[in-house]
């Protein structure tokens, strides 16, 4: 559950950052690689559609990276519990 919160936090931050500066990688590179032509006049809620697409790409990519780092760090930081062998009862 905490991993999902990490993903959402990073997604929102990078989504907002990309709206302010839409040339952040890898969103721009992914959008360019798709060869989709959307006219610059296409607006969604007053924001260019291409900027929104790039923002979603950046949020997802960086969110997944942050989630993976958090998950790996959490698994390595957990103390390993050692189980005592049980004695057979007679």
Protein backbone atom coordinates (compact mmCIF):
# COMPACT_ATOMS: atom_id res chain seq x y z
CA UNK A 1 0.00 0.00 0.00
CA UNK A 2 2.84 2.38 0.78
CA UNK A 3 4.32 1.65 -2.65
CA UNK A 4 1.13 2.90 -4.29
CA UNK A 5 1.37 6.14 -2.32
CA UNK A 6 4.98 6.57 -3.43
CA UNK A 7 3.91 6.04 -7.06
CA UNK A 8 1.05 8.54 -6.77
CA UNK A 9 3.20 11.19 -5.09
CA UNK A 10 5.93 10.96 -7.74
CA UNK A 11 3.32 10.82 -10.52
CA UNK A 12 1.63 14.01 -9.33
CA UNK A 13 4.93 15.86 -8.84
CA UNK A 14 6.30 14.92 -12.26
CA UNK A 15 2.93 15.51 -13.93
CA UNK A 16 2.88 19.06 -12.55
CA UNK A 17 6.55 19.64 -13.39
CA UNK A 18 5.97 18.54 -16.98
CA UNK A 19 3.02 20.91 -17.29
CA UNK A 20 5.40 23.73 -16.35
CA UNK A 21 8.26 22.50 -18.55
CA UNK A 22 7.08 20.06 -21.19
CA UNK A 23 10.49 19.08 -22.60
CA UNK A 24 11.42 16.84 -19.65
CA UNK A 25 12.70 13.45 -20.72
CA UNK A 26 11.56 10.71 -21.32
CA UNK A 27 8.03 11.98 -22.01
CA UNK A 28 9.10 14.05 -25.00
CA UNK A 29 11.15 11.19 -26.45
CA UNK A 30 8.33 8.67 -26.01
CA UNK A 31 5.83 11.04 -27.61
CA UNK A 32 8.19 11.72 -30.53
CA UNK A 33 8.84 7.99 -31.01
CA UNK A 34 5.12 7.30 -31.39
CA UNK A 35 4.92 9.58 -34.46
CA UNK A 36 1.46 10.79 -33.50
CA UNK A 37 0.42 14.06 -35.04
CA UNK A 38 -1.85 16.10 -32.80
CA UNK A 39 -2.35 19.72 -33.85
CA UNK A 40 -1.03 22.35 -31.46
CA UNK A 41 -4.50 23.87 -31.38
CA UNK A 42 -5.94 20.78 -29.63
CA UNK A 43 -6.66 21.88 -26.08
CA UNK A 44 -7.90 19.93 -23.07
CA UNK A 45 -9.06 22.20 -20.23
CA UNK A 46 -6.96 24.98 -21.75
CA UNK A 47 -3.75 22.90 -21.87
CA UNK A 48 -2.24 21.57 -25.09
CA UNK A 49 -3.03 17.90 -25.59
CA UNK A 50 0.60 17.10 -26.42
CA UNK A 51 1.73 18.58 -23.12
CA UNK A 52 -0.80 16.46 -21.21
CA UNK A 53 0.34 13.29 -23.01
CA UNK A 54 3.98 14.04 -22.22
CA UNK A 55 3.06 14.76 -18.59
CA UNK A 56 1.29 11.41 -18.24
CA UNK A 57 4.25 9.58 -19.79
CA UNK A 58 6.68 11.28 -17.40
CA UNK A 59 4.47 10.66 -14.37
CA UNK A 60 4.11 6.96 -15.17
CA UNK A 61 7.78 6.35 -16.01
CA UNK A 62 9.19 8.17 -13.00
CA UNK A 63 6.43 6.81 -10.76
CA UNK A 64 7.32 3.22 -11.69
CA UNK A 65 11.03 3.91 -11.13
CA UNK A 66 10.34 5.43 -7.70
CA UNK A 67 8.03 2.54 -6.80
CA UNK A 68 10.69 -0.02 -7.77
CA UNK A 69 13.36 1.78 -5.75
CA UNK A 70 11.04 2.00 -2.74
CA UNK A 71 10.06 -1.67 -3.00
CA UNK A 72 13.66 -2.86 -3.26
CA UNK A 73 14.77 -0.60 -0.41
CA UNK A 74 11.89 -1.76 1.78
CA UNK A 75 12.71 -5.44 1.20
CA UNK A 76 16.41 -4.94 1.94
CA UNK A 77 15.76 -2.91 5.10
CA UNK A 78 13.41 -5.41 6.71
CA UNK A 79 15.12 -7.37 9.45
CA UNK A 80 15.30 -11.03 8.63
CA UNK A 81 13.66 -13.06 11.35
CA UNK A 82 15.40 -16.24 12.22
CA UNK A 83 13.16 -19.07 13.22
CA UNK A 84 14.29 -21.38 15.96
CA UNK A 85 14.04 -25.04 15.08
CA UNK A 86 11.28 -26.65 17.08
CA UNK A 87 12.15 -29.48 19.42
CA UNK A 88 10.17 -32.63 18.84
CA UNK A 89 7.81 -33.41 21.67
CA UNK A 90 7.44 -36.91 23.06
